[in-house]
Amino acid sequence: MMIDSELVRDQRTRRGWTQQQLAEVADLSLRTVQRVENQGVASNESVSALSAVLELPREALLVQPPKPGPQRAAAERRLVWLTALAATAGAGVGTVVTLLVVGV
């Protein structure tokens, strides 16, 4: 899961904790805390532990993916349309080939 690494670091330093201290209090490894703060990646269990220790709702720690803009929505509609068109064309070509092979 993507997590707000700046928020975790900020909350840790506000409490005057080292990464090792946060790891111990949250029952996580030091490497996990380092990964959270450096890469912003955490497992579901790590998010729960950090949420409890930092007294923050889980939603506050999670990075929300950006909502698709109008260009992406239009691209997704085109993809659906092209997929349907390709399937229809494939079915038509398959029918013609079958009729030619069978000799109807």
Protein backbone atom coordinates (compact mmCIF):
# COMPACT_ATOMS: atom_id res chain seq x y z
CA MET A 1 0.00 0.00 0.00
CA MET A 2 1.16 3.52 -0.64
CA ILE A 3 1.50 5.51 2.56
CA ASP A 4 2.22 9.18 3.29
CA SER A 5 5.87 8.87 4.27
CA GLU A 6 6.17 12.56 5.16
CA LEU A 7 3.30 12.29 7.64
CA VAL A 8 4.88 9.25 9.30
CA ARG A 9 8.26 10.98 9.54
CA ASP A 10 6.65 14.17 10.84
CA GLN A 11 4.65 12.34 13.50
CA ARG A 12 7.71 10.35 14.56
CA THR A 13 9.94 13.42 14.91
CA ARG A 14 7.21 15.37 16.75
CA ARG A 15 7.31 12.67 19.38
CA GLY A 16 11.09 12.82 19.48
CA TRP A 17 11.40 9.18 18.41
CA THR A 18 14.12 7.62 16.32
CA GLN A 19 13.17 5.16 13.60
CA GLN A 20 14.28 2.37 15.92
CA GLN A 21 12.01 3.62 18.70
CA LEU A 22 9.02 3.82 16.34
CA ALA A 23 9.78 0.31 15.15
CA GLU A 24 9.85 -1.02 18.71
CA VAL A 25 6.65 0.74 19.79
CA ALA A 26 4.80 -0.37 16.64
CA ASP A 27 6.27 -3.90 16.83
CA LEU A 28 7.79 -3.50 13.37
CA SER A 29 11.30 -4.03 12.12
CA LEU A 30 13.62 -1.09 11.68
CA ARG A 31 13.83 -1.98 7.98
CA THR A 32 10.04 -1.68 7.68
CA VAL A 33 10.05 1.80 9.23
CA GLN A 34 12.91 2.81 6.92
CA ARG A 35 11.01 1.51 3.88
CA VAL A 36 7.87 3.38 4.93
CA GLU A 37 9.73 6.66 5.35
CA ASN A 38 11.95 6.30 2.27
CA GLN A 39 9.65 4.62 -0.24
CA GLY A 40 6.16 5.22 1.13
CA VAL A 41 5.31 1.52 0.94
CA ALA A 42 3.75 -0.53 3.75
CA SER A 43 1.78 -3.72 4.19
CA ASN A 44 -1.75 -3.69 5.53
CA GLU A 45 -0.48 -4.87 8.92
CA SER A 46 2.19 -2.16 9.05
CA VAL A 47 -0.36 0.53 8.24
CA SER A 48 -2.56 -0.73 11.07
CA ALA A 49 0.34 -0.76 13.52
CA LEU A 50 1.50 2.74 12.57
CA SER A 51 -2.05 4.04 12.69
CA ALA A 52 -2.50 2.75 16.23
CA VAL A 53 0.86 3.96 17.53
CA LEU A 54 0.67 7.39 15.88
CA GLU A 55 -3.01 7.72 16.88
CA LEU A 56 -4.08 8.55 13.34
CA PRO A 57 -6.91 7.09 11.28
CA ARG A 58 -5.71 4.64 8.63
CA GLU A 59 -7.18 6.85 5.93
CA ALA A 60 -4.88 9.69 7.00
CA LEU A 61 -1.82 7.51 6.41
CA LEU A 62 -2.86 6.13 3.03
CA VAL A 63 -2.05 7.99 -0.16
CA GLN A 64 -5.17 8.33 -2.27
CA PRO A 65 -4.65 7.66 -5.98
CA PRO A 66 -5.48 10.62 -8.18
CA LYS A 67 -8.92 10.58 -9.72
CA PRO A 68 -8.90 10.00 -13.46
CA GLY A 69 -9.21 13.22 -15.41
CA PRO A 70 -11.40 13.76 -18.45
CA GLN A 71 -8.61 12.69 -20.81
CA ARG A 72 -8.21 9.34 -19.10
CA ALA A 73 -11.96 8.76 -19.04
CA ALA A 74 -12.12 9.49 -22.78
CA ALA A 75 -9.20 7.13 -23.42
CA GLU A 76 -10.93 4.37 -21.45
CA ARG A 77 -14.14 4.87 -23.47
CA ARG A 78 -12.14 4.64 -26.71
CA LEU A 79 -10.50 1.44 -25.50
CA VAL A 80 -13.88 -0.13 -24.75
CA TRP A 81 -15.16 0.94 -28.17
CA LEU A 82 -12.10 -0.40 -29.99
CA THR A 83 -12.26 -3.70 -28.10
CA ALA A 84 -15.90 -4.16 -29.08
CA LEU A 85 -15.10 -3.22 -32.69
CA ALA A 86 -12.18 -5.68 -32.83
CA ALA A 87 -14.34 -8.48 -31.40
CA THR A 88 -17.08 -7.81 -33.95
CA ALA A 89 -14.61 -7.64 -36.82
CA GLY A 90 -12.96 -10.87 -35.65
CA ALA A 91 -16.30 -12.63 -35.51
CA GLY A 92 -17.16 -11.39 -39.01
CA VAL A 93 -13.83 -12.50 -40.48
CA GLY A 94 -14.15 -15.86 -38.72
CA THR A 95 -17.61 -16.38 -40.22
CA VAL A 96 -16.43 -15.53 -43.74
CA VAL A 97 -13.41 -17.84 -43.48
CA THR A 98 -15.60 -20.64 -42.15
CA LEU A 99 -18.05 -20.23 -45.02
CA LEU A 100 -15.20 -20.24 -47.57
CA VAL A 101 -13.64 -23.37 -46.08
CA VAL A 102 -16.93 -25.23 -45.82
CA GLY A 103 -17.79 -24.14 -49.34
CA VAL A 104 -21.23 -22.74 -48.80
